[in-house]
């Protein structure tokens, strides 16, 4: 059974940082592209960042998103991360990690990030 469990969300002040984690199990993590998505209040869910599969054991870093959000993965531990710096109130959202294993897309339960001014 595919399981994705996010953690690390919190209430933070604008300008602060958070590191979100996603623990994956039930599939060959190192084989699949992983992604972070978010859904803000009253908004549709949107893609934040993706990172391709990599050589086992290596830590891969995806390109920073707008210079503030960086996705990375640690295949040896089946972990996905999202480092978020210089947080803004508009980053407030539920954050989800996800994997597409055709024909389905799987989601975690989400972790809430709230940024106050």
PDB file of N, CA and C in Angstrom:
ATOM      1  N   UNK A   1       0.848  -1.192   0.000  1.00  0.00           N
ATOM      2  CA  UNK A   1       0.000   0.000   0.000  1.00  0.00           C
ATOM      3  C   UNK A   1       0.885   1.245   0.000  1.00  0.00           C
ATOM      4  N   UNK A   2       0.603   2.131  -0.949  1.00  0.00           N
ATOM      5  CA  UNK A   2       1.353   3.378  -1.021  1.00  0.00           C
ATOM      6  C   UNK A   2       0.942   4.279   0.139  1.00  0.00           C
ATOM      7  N   UNK A   3       1.934   4.765   0.865  1.00  0.00           N
ATOM      8  CA  UNK A   3       1.665   5.714   1.947  1.00  0.00           C
ATOM      9  C   UNK A   3       2.619   6.885   1.850  1.00  0.00           C
ATOM     10  N   UNK A   4       2.073   8.078   2.003  1.00  0.00           N
ATOM     11  CA  UNK A   4       2.843   9.320   2.029  1.00  0.00           C
ATOM     12  C   UNK A   4       2.413  10.089   3.268  1.00  0.00           C
ATOM     13  N   UNK A   5       3.363  10.385   4.133  1.00  0.00           N
ATOM     14  CA  UNK A   5       3.039  11.050   5.394  1.00  0.00           C
ATOM     15  C   UNK A   5       3.871  12.320   5.519  1.00  0.00           C
ATOM     16  N   UNK A   6       3.179  13.452   5.428  1.00  0.00           N
ATOM     17  CA  UNK A   6       3.862  14.745   5.535  1.00  0.00           C
ATOM     18  C   UNK A   6       3.964  15.186   6.981  1.00  0.00           C
ATOM     19  N   UNK A   7       4.964  15.997   7.251  1.00  0.00           N
ATOM     20  CA  UNK A   7       5.126  16.590   8.575  1.00  0.00           C
ATOM     21  C   UNK A   7       5.932  17.879   8.444  1.00  0.00           C
ATOM     22  N   UNK A   8       5.931  18.669   9.505  1.00  0.00           N
ATOM     23  CA  UNK A   8       6.755  19.864   9.528  1.00  0.00           C
ATOM     24  C   UNK A   8       5.997  21.173   9.389  1.00  0.00           C
ATOM     25  N   UNK A   9       4.710  21.102   9.076  1.00  0.00           N
ATOM     26  CA  UNK A   9       3.940  22.326   8.966  1.00  0.00           C
ATOM     27  C   UNK A   9       3.791  23.006  10.321  1.00  0.00           C
ATOM     28  N   UNK A  10       3.646  24.338  10.268  1.00  0.00           N
ATOM     29  CA  UNK A  10       3.556  25.101  11.507  1.00  0.00           C
ATOM     30  C   UNK A  10       3.021  26.489  11.234  1.00  0.00           C
ATOM     31  N   UNK A  11       2.782  27.218  12.319  1.00  0.00           N
ATOM     32  CA  UNK A  11       2.444  28.638  12.257  1.00  0.00           C
ATOM     33  C   UNK A  11       3.751  29.408  12.417  1.00  0.00           C
ATOM     34  N   UNK A  12       4.067  30.225  11.413  1.00  0.00           N
ATOM     35  CA  UNK A  12       5.331  30.954  11.452  1.00  0.00           C
ATOM     36  C   UNK A  12       5.119  32.402  11.063  1.00  0.00           C
ATOM     37  N   UNK A  13       6.074  33.231  11.427  1.00  0.00           N
ATOM     38  CA  UNK A  13       6.029  34.642  11.078  1.00  0.00           C
ATOM     39  C   UNK A  13       6.596  34.833   9.678  1.00  0.00           C
ATOM     40  N   UNK A  14       6.084  35.821   8.980  1.00  0.00           N
ATOM     41  CA  UNK A  14       6.621  36.150   7.658  1.00  0.00           C
ATOM     42  C   UNK A  14       8.124  36.373   7.764  1.00  0.00           C
ATOM     43  N   UNK A  15       8.827  35.849   6.772  1.00  0.00           N
ATOM     44  CA  UNK A  15      10.278  35.936   6.776  1.00  0.00           C
ATOM     45  C   UNK A  15      10.958  34.718   7.364  1.00  0.00           C
ATOM     46  N   UNK A  16      10.189  33.880   8.012  1.00  0.00           N
ATOM     47  CA  UNK A  16      10.738  32.686   8.635  1.00  0.00           C
ATOM     48  C   UNK A  16      10.949  31.553   7.651  1.00  0.00           C
ATOM     49  N   UNK A  17      11.407  30.419   8.192  1.00  0.00           N
ATOM     50  CA  UNK A  17      11.704  29.248   7.374  1.00  0.00           C
ATOM     51  C   UNK A  17      11.039  28.012   7.977  1.00  0.00           C
ATOM     52  N   UNK A  18      10.762  27.062   7.101  1.00  0.00           N
ATOM     53  CA  UNK A  18      10.254  25.760   7.509  1.00  0.00           C
ATOM     54  C   UNK A  18      10.834  24.709   6.593  1.00  0.00           C
ATOM     55  N   UNK A  19      10.960  23.496   7.119  1.00  0.00           N
ATOM     56  CA  UNK A  19      11.337  22.352   6.301  1.00  0.00           C
ATOM     57  C   UNK A  19      10.252  21.300   6.444  1.00  0.00           C
ATOM     58  N   UNK A  20       9.582  21.038   5.352  1.00  0.00           N
ATOM     59  CA  UNK A  20       8.566  20.002   5.331  1.00  0.00           C
ATOM     60  C   UNK A  20       9.202  18.678   4.942  1.00  0.00           C
ATOM     61  N   UNK A  21       8.677  17.602   5.517  1.00  0.00           N
ATOM     62  CA  UNK A  21       9.158  16.261   5.205  1.00  0.00           C
ATOM     63  C   UNK A  21       8.000  15.400   4.754  1.00  0.00           C
ATOM     64  N   UNK A  22       8.327  14.404   3.957  1.00  0.00           N
ATOM     65  CA  UNK A  22       7.342  13.422   3.512  1.00  0.00           C
ATOM     66  C   UNK A  22       8.001  12.046   3.566  1.00  0.00           C
ATOM     67  N   UNK A  23       7.438  11.183   4.382  1.00  0.00           N
ATOM     68  CA  UNK A  23       7.928   9.810   4.488  1.00  0.00           C
ATOM     69  C   UNK A  23       7.104   8.933   3.565  1.00  0.00           C
ATOM     70  N   UNK A  24       7.787   8.238   2.664  1.00  0.00           N
ATOM     71  CA  UNK A  24       7.115   7.417   1.666  1.00  0.00           C
ATOM     72  C   UNK A  24       7.334   5.940   1.953  1.00  0.00           C
ATOM     73  N   UNK A  25       6.321   5.142   1.640  1.00  0.00           N
ATOM     74  CA  UNK A  25       6.440   3.697   1.792  1.00  0.00           C
ATOM     75  C   UNK A  25       5.462   3.009   0.863  1.00  0.00           C
ATOM     76  N   UNK A  26       5.698   1.722   0.643  1.00  0.00           N
ATOM     77  CA  UNK A  26       4.774   0.927  -0.155  1.00  0.00           C
ATOM     78  C   UNK A  26       5.043   0.936  -1.649  1.00  0.00           C
ATOM     79  N   UNK A  27       6.108   1.576  -2.071  1.00  0.00           N
ATOM     80  CA  UNK A  27       6.484   1.562  -3.485  1.00  0.00           C
ATOM     81  C   UNK A  27       7.978   1.826  -3.576  1.00  0.00           C
ATOM     82  N   UNK A  28       8.526   1.633  -4.766  1.00  0.00           N
ATOM     83  CA  UNK A  28       9.964   1.826  -4.973  1.00  0.00           C
ATOM     84  C   UNK A  28      10.254   3.314  -5.118  1.00  0.00           C
ATOM     85  N   UNK A  29      10.454   3.954  -3.989  1.00  0.00           N
ATOM     86  CA  UNK A  29      10.575   5.417  -3.940  1.00  0.00           C
ATOM     87  C   UNK A  29      11.611   5.945  -4.923  1.00  0.00           C
ATOM     88  N   UNK A  30      12.762   5.289  -4.988  1.00  0.00           N
ATOM     89  CA  UNK A  30      13.869   5.820  -5.785  1.00  0.00           C
ATOM     90  C   UNK A  30      13.587   5.779  -7.281  1.00  0.00           C
ATOM     91  N   UNK A  31      12.498   5.105  -7.656  1.00  0.00           N
ATOM     92  CA  UNK A  31      12.187   4.945  -9.068  1.00  0.00           C
ATOM     93  C   UNK A  31      11.330   6.078  -9.632  1.00  0.00           C
ATOM     94  N   UNK A  32      10.651   6.798  -8.750  1.00  0.00           N
ATOM     95  CA  UNK A  32       9.608   7.716  -9.206  1.00  0.00           C
ATOM     96  C   UNK A  32       9.919   9.183  -8.949  1.00  0.00           C
ATOM     97  N   UNK A  33       9.454   9.992  -9.900  1.00  0.00           N
ATOM     98  CA  UNK A  33       9.432  11.425  -9.687  1.00  0.00           C
ATOM     99  C   UNK A  33       8.466  11.749  -8.547  1.00  0.00           C
ATOM    100  N   UNK A  34       8.894  12.641  -7.674  1.00  0.00           N
ATOM    101  CA  UNK A  34       8.063  13.064  -6.553  1.00  0.00           C
ATOM    102  C   UNK A  34       7.742  14.553  -6.687  1.00  0.00           C
ATOM    103  N   UNK A  35       6.684  14.979  -6.023  1.00  0.00           N
ATOM    104  CA  UNK A  35       6.309  16.385  -6.127  1.00  0.00           C
ATOM    105  C   UNK A  35       5.659  16.887  -4.843  1.00  0.00           C
ATOM    106  N   UNK A  36       5.737  18.185  -4.676  1.00  0.00           N
ATOM    107  CA  UNK A  36       5.006  18.898  -3.624  1.00  0.00           C
ATOM    108  C   UNK A  36       3.945  19.768  -4.302  1.00  0.00           C
ATOM    109  N   UNK A  37       2.775  19.783  -3.684  1.00  0.00           N
ATOM    110  CA  UNK A  37       1.679  20.615  -4.127  1.00  0.00           C
ATOM    111  C   UNK A  37       1.160  21.373  -2.917  1.00  0.00           C
ATOM    112  N   UNK A  38       0.385  22.408  -3.167  1.00  0.00           N
ATOM    113  CA  UNK A  38      -0.229  23.128  -2.055  1.00  0.00           C
ATOM    114  C   UNK A  38      -1.601  23.646  -2.455  1.00  0.00           C
ATOM    115  N   UNK A  39      -2.448  23.829  -1.435  1.00  0.00           N
ATOM    116  CA  UNK A  39      -3.780  24.367  -1.657  1.00  0.00           C
ATOM    117  C   UNK A  39      -4.058  25.407  -0.588  1.00  0.00           C
ATOM    118  N   UNK A  40      -4.105  26.658  -1.037  1.00  0.00           N
ATOM    119  CA  UNK A  40      -4.385  27.754  -0.129  1.00  0.00           C
ATOM    120  C   UNK A  40      -5.871  27.921   0.083  1.00  0.00           C
ATOM    121  N   UNK A  41      -6.254  28.723   1.061  1.00  0.00           N
ATOM    122  CA  UNK A  41      -7.671  28.941   1.350  1.00  0.00           C
ATOM    123  C   UNK A  41      -8.414  29.504   0.134  1.00  0.00           C
ATOM    124  N   UNK A  42      -9.459  28.816  -0.256  1.00  0.00           N
ATOM    125  CA  UNK A  42     -10.252  29.283  -1.386  1.00  0.00           C
ATOM    126  C   UNK A  42      -9.590  29.135  -2.738  1.00  0.00           C
ATOM    127  N   UNK A  43      -8.497  28.403  -2.777  1.00  0.00           N
ATOM    128  CA  UNK A  43      -7.760  28.257  -4.040  1.00  0.00           C
ATOM    129  C   UNK A  43      -7.732  26.801  -4.474  1.00  0.00           C
ATOM    130  N   UNK A  44      -7.394  26.599  -5.736  1.00  0.00           N
ATOM    131  CA  UNK A  44      -7.210  25.252  -6.245  1.00  0.00           C
ATOM    132  C   UNK A  44      -5.823  24.745  -5.853  1.00  0.00           C
ATOM    133  N   UNK A  45      -5.713  23.434  -5.805  1.00  0.00           N
ATOM    134  CA  UNK A  45      -4.412  22.835  -5.515  1.00  0.00           C
ATOM    135  C   UNK A  45      -3.460  23.144  -6.666  1.00  0.00           C
ATOM    136  N   UNK A  46      -2.216  23.509  -6.335  1.00  0.00           N
ATOM    137  CA  UNK A  46      -1.245  23.853  -7.365  1.00  0.00           C
ATOM    138  C   UNK A  46       0.066  23.121  -7.116  1.00  0.00           C
ATOM    139  N   UNK A  47       0.773  22.883  -8.205  1.00  0.00           N
ATOM    140  CA  UNK A  47       2.085  22.250  -8.119  1.00  0.00           C
ATOM    141  C   UNK A  47       3.108  23.252  -7.604  1.00  0.00           C
ATOM    142  N   UNK A  48       3.911  22.822  -6.643  1.00  0.00           N
ATOM    143  CA  UNK A  48       4.976  23.673  -6.116  1.00  0.00           C
ATOM    144  C   UNK A  48       6.318  23.314  -6.743  1.00  0.00           C
ATOM    145  N   UNK A  49       6.662  22.023  -6.738  1.00  0.00           N
ATOM    146  CA  UNK A  49       7.960  21.615  -7.269  1.00  0.00           C
ATOM    147  C   UNK A  49       7.971  20.118  -7.495  1.00  0.00           C
ATOM    148  N   UNK A  50       8.792  19.677  -8.429  1.00  0.00           N
ATOM    149  CA  UNK A  50       8.983  18.249  -8.673  1.00  0.00           C
ATOM    150  C   UNK A  50      10.465  17.929  -8.657  1.00  0.00           C
ATOM    151  N   UNK A  51      10.764  16.660  -8.397  1.00  0.00           N
ATOM    152  CA  UNK A  51      12.141  16.205  -8.431  1.00  0.00           C
ATOM    153  C   UNK A  51      12.160  14.793  -8.988  1.00  0.00           C
ATOM    154  N   UNK A  52      13.033  14.570  -9.956  1.00  0.00           N
ATOM    155  CA  UNK A  52      13.103  13.273 -10.614  1.00  0.00           C
ATOM    156  C   UNK A  52      13.787  12.243  -9.719  1.00  0.00           C
ATOM    157  N   UNK A  53      13.594  10.987 -10.077  1.00  0.00           N
ATOM    158  CA  UNK A  53      14.294   9.906  -9.398  1.00  0.00           C
ATOM    159  C   UNK A  53      15.792  10.057  -9.628  1.00  0.00           C
ATOM    160  N   UNK A  54      16.575   9.523  -8.716  1.00  0.00           N
ATOM    161  CA  UNK A  54      18.018   9.707  -8.810  1.00  0.00           C
ATOM    162  C   UNK A  54      18.711   8.424  -8.406  1.00  0.00           C
ATOM    163  N   UNK A  55      20.018   8.473  -8.495  1.00  0.00           N
ATOM    164  CA  UNK A  55      20.834   7.318  -8.116  1.00  0.00           C
ATOM    165  C   UNK A  55      20.574   6.992  -6.638  1.00  0.00           C
ATOM    166  N   UNK A  56      20.365   5.723  -6.297  1.00  0.00           N
ATOM    167  CA  UNK A  56      20.080   5.379  -4.905  1.00  0.00           C
ATOM    168  C   UNK A  56      21.128   5.914  -3.950  1.00  0.00           C
ATOM    169  N   UNK A  57      20.673   6.453  -2.853  1.00  0.00           N
ATOM    170  CA  UNK A  57      21.552   6.932  -1.800  1.00  0.00           C
ATOM    171  C   UNK A  57      21.972   8.366  -1.964  1.00  0.00           C
ATOM    172  N   UNK A  58      21.777   8.926  -3.154  1.00  0.00           N
ATOM    173  CA  UNK A  58      22.206  10.304  -3.345  1.00  0.00           C
ATOM    174  C   UNK A  58      21.099  11.265  -2.940  1.00  0.00           C
ATOM    175  N   UNK A  59      21.494  12.404  -2.454  1.00  0.00           N
ATOM    176  CA  UNK A  59      20.560  13.459  -2.132  1.00  0.00           C
ATOM    177  C   UNK A  59      20.461  14.378  -3.333  1.00  0.00           C
ATOM    178  N   UNK A  60      19.280  14.475  -3.918  1.00  0.00           N
ATOM    179  CA  UNK A  60      19.098  15.299  -5.096  1.00  0.00           C
ATOM    180  C   UNK A  60      18.336  16.556  -4.711  1.00  0.00           C
ATOM    181  N   UNK A  61      18.766  17.660  -5.246  1.00  0.00           N
ATOM    182  CA  UNK A  61      18.085  18.921  -5.002  1.00  0.00           C
ATOM    183  C   UNK A  61      17.484  19.424  -6.295  1.00  0.00           C
ATOM    184  N   UNK A  62      16.199  19.726  -6.248  1.00  0.00           N
ATOM    185  CA  UNK A  62      15.566  20.337  -7.396  1.00  0.00           C
ATOM    186  C   UNK A  62      15.871  21.822  -7.433  1.00  0.00           C
ATOM    187  N   UNK A  63      15.631  22.422  -8.564  1.00  0.00           N
ATOM    188  CA  UNK A  63      15.866  23.856  -8.694  1.00  0.00           C
ATOM    189  C   UNK A  63      14.974  24.623  -7.734  1.00  0.00           C
ATOM    190  N   UNK A  64      15.499  25.639  -7.060  1.00  0.00           N
ATOM    191  CA  UNK A  64      14.658  26.413  -6.151  1.00  0.00           C
ATOM    192  C   UNK A  64      13.473  27.018  -6.889  1.00  0.00           C
ATOM    193  N   UNK A  65      12.336  27.049  -6.243  1.00  0.00           N
ATOM    194  CA  UNK A  65      11.151  27.671  -6.804  1.00  0.00           C
ATOM    195  C   UNK A  65      11.127  29.112  -6.349  1.00  0.00           C
ATOM    196  N   UNK A  66      11.194  30.004  -7.295  1.00  0.00           N
ATOM    197  CA  UNK A  66      11.224  31.443  -7.018  1.00  0.00           C
ATOM    198  C   UNK A  66      12.320  31.801  -6.024  1.00  0.00           C
ATOM    199  N   UNK A  67      13.334  30.986  -5.951  1.00  0.00           N
ATOM    200  CA  UNK A  67      14.462  31.275  -5.071  1.00  0.00           C
ATOM    201  C   UNK A  67      14.191  31.056  -3.613  1.00  0.00           C
ATOM    202  N   UNK A  68      13.004  30.641  -3.224  1.00  0.00           N
ATOM    203  CA  UNK A  68      12.655  30.498  -1.826  1.00  0.00           C
ATOM    204  C   UNK A  68      12.328  29.064  -1.419  1.00  0.00           C
ATOM    205  N   UNK A  69      11.852  28.274  -2.338  1.00  0.00           N
ATOM    206  CA  UNK A  69      11.425  26.914  -2.017  1.00  0.00           C
ATOM    207  C   UNK A  69      12.301  25.923  -2.767  1.00  0.00           C
ATOM    208  N   UNK A  70      12.881  24.981  -2.052  1.00  0.00           N
ATOM    209  CA  UNK A  70      13.778  24.001  -2.662  1.00  0.00           C
ATOM    210  C   UNK A  70      13.321  22.595  -2.303  1.00  0.00           C
ATOM    211  N   UNK A  71      13.074  21.801  -3.335  1.00  0.00           N
ATOM    212  CA  UNK A  71      12.688  20.408  -3.126  1.00  0.00           C
ATOM    213  C   UNK A  71      13.937  19.548  -3.135  1.00  0.00           C
ATOM    214  N   UNK A  72      13.943  18.525  -2.308  1.00  0.00           N
ATOM    215  CA  UNK A  72      15.055  17.586  -2.308  1.00  0.00           C
ATOM    216  C   UNK A  72      14.542  16.218  -1.875  1.00  0.00           C
ATOM    217  N   UNK A  73      15.378  15.208  -2.055  1.00  0.00           N
ATOM    218  CA  UNK A  73      14.980  13.852  -1.684  1.00  0.00           C
ATOM    219  C   UNK A  73      16.188  13.086  -1.182  1.00  0.00           C
ATOM    220  N   UNK A  74      15.937  12.127  -0.331  1.00  0.00           N
ATOM    221  CA  UNK A  74      16.975  11.238   0.161  1.00  0.00           C
ATOM    222  C   UNK A  74      16.479   9.818  -0.055  1.00  0.00           C
ATOM    223  N   UNK A  75      16.939   9.232  -1.152  1.00  0.00           N
ATOM    224  CA  UNK A  75      16.412   7.926  -1.567  1.00  0.00           C
ATOM    225  C   UNK A  75      16.717   6.819  -0.556  1.00  0.00           C
ATOM    226  N   UNK A  76      17.847   6.928   0.131  1.00  0.00           N
ATOM    227  CA  UNK A  76      18.227   5.881   1.085  1.00  0.00           C
ATOM    228  C   UNK A  76      17.223   5.775   2.230  1.00  0.00           C
ATOM    229  N   UNK A  77      16.518   6.889   2.509  1.00  0.00           N
ATOM    230  CA  UNK A  77      15.557   6.883   3.614  1.00  0.00           C
ATOM    231  C   UNK A  77      14.117   7.050   3.143  1.00  0.00           C
ATOM    232  N   UNK A  78      13.909   7.017   1.813  1.00  0.00           N
ATOM    233  CA  UNK A  78      12.554   7.188   1.262  1.00  0.00           C
ATOM    234  C   UNK A  78      11.902   8.473   1.775  1.00  0.00           C
ATOM    235  N   UNK A  79      12.674   9.546   1.725  1.00  0.00           N
ATOM    236  CA  UNK A  79      12.199  10.821   2.253  1.00  0.00           C
ATOM    237  C   UNK A  79      12.222  11.903   1.184  1.00  0.00           C
ATOM    238  N   UNK A  80      11.212  12.747   1.220  1.00  0.00           N
ATOM    239  CA  UNK A  80      11.101  13.916   0.353  1.00  0.00           C
ATOM    240  C   UNK A  80      11.026  15.142   1.260  1.00  0.00           C
ATOM    241  N   UNK A  81      11.662  16.232   0.822  1.00  0.00           N
ATOM    242  CA  UNK A  81      11.703  17.436   1.637  1.00  0.00           C
ATOM    243  C   UNK A  81      11.324  18.673   0.820  1.00  0.00           C
ATOM    244  N   UNK A  82      10.866  19.690   1.520  1.00  0.00           N
ATOM    245  CA  UNK A  82      10.653  20.999   0.917  1.00  0.00           C
ATOM    246  C   UNK A  82      11.169  22.042   1.901  1.00  0.00           C
ATOM    247  N   UNK A  83      12.277  22.668   1.539  1.00  0.00           N
ATOM    248  CA  UNK A  83      12.837  23.743   2.346  1.00  0.00           C
ATOM    249  C   UNK A  83      12.211  25.056   1.892  1.00  0.00           C
ATOM    250  N   UNK A  84      11.602  25.759   2.821  1.00  0.00           N
ATOM    251  CA  UNK A  84      10.921  27.004   2.491  1.00  0.00           C
ATOM    252  C   UNK A  84      11.546  28.144   3.295  1.00  0.00           C
ATOM    253  N   UNK A  85      12.081  29.114   2.590  1.00  0.00           N
ATOM    254  CA  UNK A  85      12.724  30.260   3.225  1.00  0.00           C
ATOM    255  C   UNK A  85      11.979  31.540   2.876  1.00  0.00           C
ATOM    256  N   UNK A  86      12.220  32.587   3.671  1.00  0.00           N
ATOM    257  CA  UNK A  86      11.599  33.894   3.430  1.00  0.00           C
ATOM    258  C   UNK A  86      10.095  33.751   3.193  1.00  0.00           C
ATOM    259  N   UNK A  87       9.448  33.043   4.087  1.00  0.00           N
ATOM    260  CA  UNK A  87       8.027  32.750   3.908  1.00  0.00           C
ATOM    261  C   UNK A  87       7.185  34.017   3.896  1.00  0.00           C
ATOM    262  N   UNK A  88       6.151  33.973   3.079  1.00  0.00           N
ATOM    263  CA  UNK A  88       5.224  35.083   2.917  1.00  0.00           C
ATOM    264  C   UNK A  88       3.819  34.631   3.296  1.00  0.00           C
ATOM    265  N   UNK A  89       2.948  35.559   3.681  1.00  0.00           N
ATOM    266  CA  UNK A  89       1.568  35.165   4.003  1.00  0.00           C
ATOM    267  C   UNK A  89       0.892  34.401   2.871  1.00  0.00           C
ATOM    268  N   UNK A  90       1.238  34.721   1.626  1.00  0.00           N
ATOM    269  CA  UNK A  90       0.624  34.013   0.500  1.00  0.00           C
ATOM    270  C   UNK A  90       1.105  32.570   0.359  1.00  0.00           C
ATOM    271  N   UNK A  91       2.097  32.172   1.149  1.00  0.00           N
ATOM    272  CA  UNK A  91       2.522  30.771   1.176  1.00  0.00           C
ATOM    273  C   UNK A  91       1.624  29.933   2.088  1.00  0.00           C
ATOM    274  N   UNK A  92       0.713  30.583   2.793  1.00  0.00           N
ATOM    275  CA  UNK A  92      -0.212  29.855   3.665  1.00  0.00           C
ATOM    276  C   UNK A  92      -1.033  28.868   2.846  1.00  0.00           C
ATOM    277  N   UNK A  93      -0.976  27.604   3.241  1.00  0.00           N
ATOM    278  CA  UNK A  93      -1.647  26.548   2.478  1.00  0.00           C
ATOM    279  C   UNK A  93      -1.469  25.216   3.185  1.00  0.00           C
ATOM    280  N   UNK A  94      -2.246  24.253   2.735  1.00  0.00           N
ATOM    281  CA  UNK A  94      -2.004  22.857   3.076  1.00  0.00           C
ATOM    282  C   UNK A  94      -1.033  22.332   2.026  1.00  0.00           C
ATOM    283  N   UNK A  95       0.044  21.708   2.479  1.00  0.00           N
ATOM    284  CA  UNK A  95       1.072  21.200   1.573  1.00  0.00           C
ATOM    285  C   UNK A  95       1.000  19.682   1.512  1.00  0.00           C
ATOM    286  N   UNK A  96       1.043  19.163   0.290  1.00  0.00           N
ATOM    287  CA  UNK A  96       0.911  17.729   0.053  1.00  0.00           C
ATOM    288  C   UNK A  96       2.101  17.220  -0.747  1.00  0.00           C
ATOM    289  N   UNK A  97       2.593  16.040  -0.392  1.00  0.00           N
ATOM    290  CA  UNK A  97       3.511  15.364  -1.299  1.00  0.00           C
ATOM    291  C   UNK A  97       2.723  14.354  -2.120  1.00  0.00           C
ATOM    292  N   UNK A  98       3.260  14.045  -3.267  1.00  0.00           N
ATOM    293  CA  UNK A  98       2.500  13.233  -4.211  1.00  0.00           C
ATOM    294  C   UNK A  98       3.433  12.444  -5.106  1.00  0.00           C
ATOM    295  N   UNK A  99       2.908  11.312  -5.576  1.00  0.00           N
ATOM    296  CA  UNK A  99       3.615  10.500  -6.563  1.00  0.00           C
ATOM    297  C   UNK A  99       2.595   9.958  -7.544  1.00  0.00           C
ATOM    298  N   UNK A 100       3.002   9.970  -8.814  1.00  0.00           N
ATOM    299  CA  UNK A 100       2.143   9.364  -9.829  1.00  0.00           C
ATOM    300  C   UNK A 100       2.712   8.002 -10.166  1.00  0.00           C
ATOM    301  N   UNK A 101       1.928   6.979  -9.888  1.00  0.00           N
ATOM    302  CA  UNK A 101       2.251   5.608 -10.268  1.00  0.00           C
ATOM    303  C   UNK A 101       1.110   5.182 -11.165  1.00  0.00           C
ATOM    304  N   UNK A 102       1.326   5.249 -12.482  1.00  0.00           N
ATOM    305  CA  UNK A 102       0.217   5.020 -13.423  1.00  0.00           C
ATOM    306  C   UNK A 102      -0.559   3.748 -13.125  1.00  0.00           C
ATOM    307  N   UNK A 103      -1.882   3.839 -13.197  1.00  0.00           N
ATOM    308  CA  UNK A 103      -2.664   4.966 -13.685  1.00  0.00           C
ATOM    309  C   UNK A 103      -3.097   5.944 -12.597  1.00  0.00           C
ATOM    310  N   UNK A 104      -2.633   5.768 -11.370  1.00  0.00           N
ATOM    311  CA  UNK A 104      -3.143   6.577 -10.268  1.00  0.00           C
ATOM    312  C   UNK A 104      -2.126   7.610  -9.803  1.00  0.00           C
ATOM    313  N   UNK A 105      -2.627   8.645  -9.137  1.00  0.00           N
ATOM    314  CA  UNK A 105      -1.778   9.602  -8.401  1.00  0.00           C
ATOM    315  C   UNK A 105      -2.130   9.460  -6.933  1.00  0.00           C
ATOM    316  N   UNK A 106      -1.112   9.383  -6.133  1.00  0.00           N
ATOM    317  CA  UNK A 106      -1.292   9.200  -4.702  1.00  0.00           C
ATOM    318  C   UNK A 106      -0.900  10.479  -3.955  1.00  0.00           C
ATOM    319  N   UNK A 107      -1.636  10.727  -2.867  1.00  0.00           N
ATOM    320  CA  UNK A 107      -1.428  11.938  -2.068  1.00  0.00           C
ATOM    321  C   UNK A 107      -1.255  11.587  -0.602  1.00  0.00           C
ATOM    322  N   UNK A 108      -0.513  12.414   0.113  1.00  0.00           N
ATOM    323  CA  UNK A 108      -0.492  12.330   1.550  1.00  0.00           C
ATOM    324  C   UNK A 108      -1.686  13.060   2.121  1.00  0.00           C
ATOM    325  N   UNK A 109      -1.735  13.108   3.453  1.00  0.00           N
ATOM    326  CA  UNK A 109      -2.876  13.757   4.112  1.00  0.00           C
ATOM    327  C   UNK A 109      -2.691  15.262   4.225  1.00  0.00           C
ATOM    328  N   UNK A 110      -1.462  15.726   3.991  1.00  0.00           N
ATOM    329  CA  UNK A 110      -1.195  17.155   4.020  1.00  0.00           C
ATOM    330  C   UNK A 110      -0.655  17.633   5.349  1.00  0.00           C
ATOM    331  N   UNK A 111       0.063  18.754   5.288  1.00  0.00           N
ATOM    332  CA  UNK A 111       0.553  19.414   6.490  1.00  0.00           C
ATOM    333  C   UNK A 111       0.322  20.912   6.329  1.00  0.00           C
ATOM    334  N   UNK A 112      -0.216  21.545   7.347  1.00  0.00           N
ATOM    335  CA  UNK A 112      -0.646  22.941   7.251  1.00  0.00           C
ATOM    336  C   UNK A 112       0.501  23.895   7.559  1.00  0.00           C
ATOM    337  N   UNK A 113       0.682  24.841   6.645  1.00  0.00           N
ATOM    338  CA  UNK A 113       1.637  25.931   6.857  1.00  0.00           C
ATOM    339  C   UNK A 113       0.847  27.231   6.897  1.00  0.00           C
ATOM    340  N   UNK A 114       0.993  27.964   7.985  1.00  0.00           N
ATOM    341  CA  UNK A 114       0.321  29.249   8.134  1.00  0.00           C
ATOM    342  C   UNK A 114       1.371  30.310   8.414  1.00  0.00           C
ATOM    343  N   UNK A 115       1.387  31.327   7.559  1.00  0.00           N
ATOM    344  CA  UNK A 115       2.368  32.401   7.690  1.00  0.00           C
ATOM    345  C   UNK A 115       1.629  33.683   8.034  1.00  0.00           C
ATOM    346  N   UNK A 116       1.954  34.270   9.176  1.00  0.00           N
ATOM    347  CA  UNK A 116       1.297  35.509   9.559  1.00  0.00           C
ATOM    348  C   UNK A 116       2.275  36.675   9.426  1.00  0.00           C
ATOM    349  N   UNK A 117       1.686  37.808   9.083  1.00  0.00           N
ATOM    350  CA  UNK A 117       2.524  38.999   8.835  1.00  0.00           C
ATOM    351  C   UNK A 117       3.117  39.544  10.124  1.00  0.00           C
TER     352      UNK A 117
END
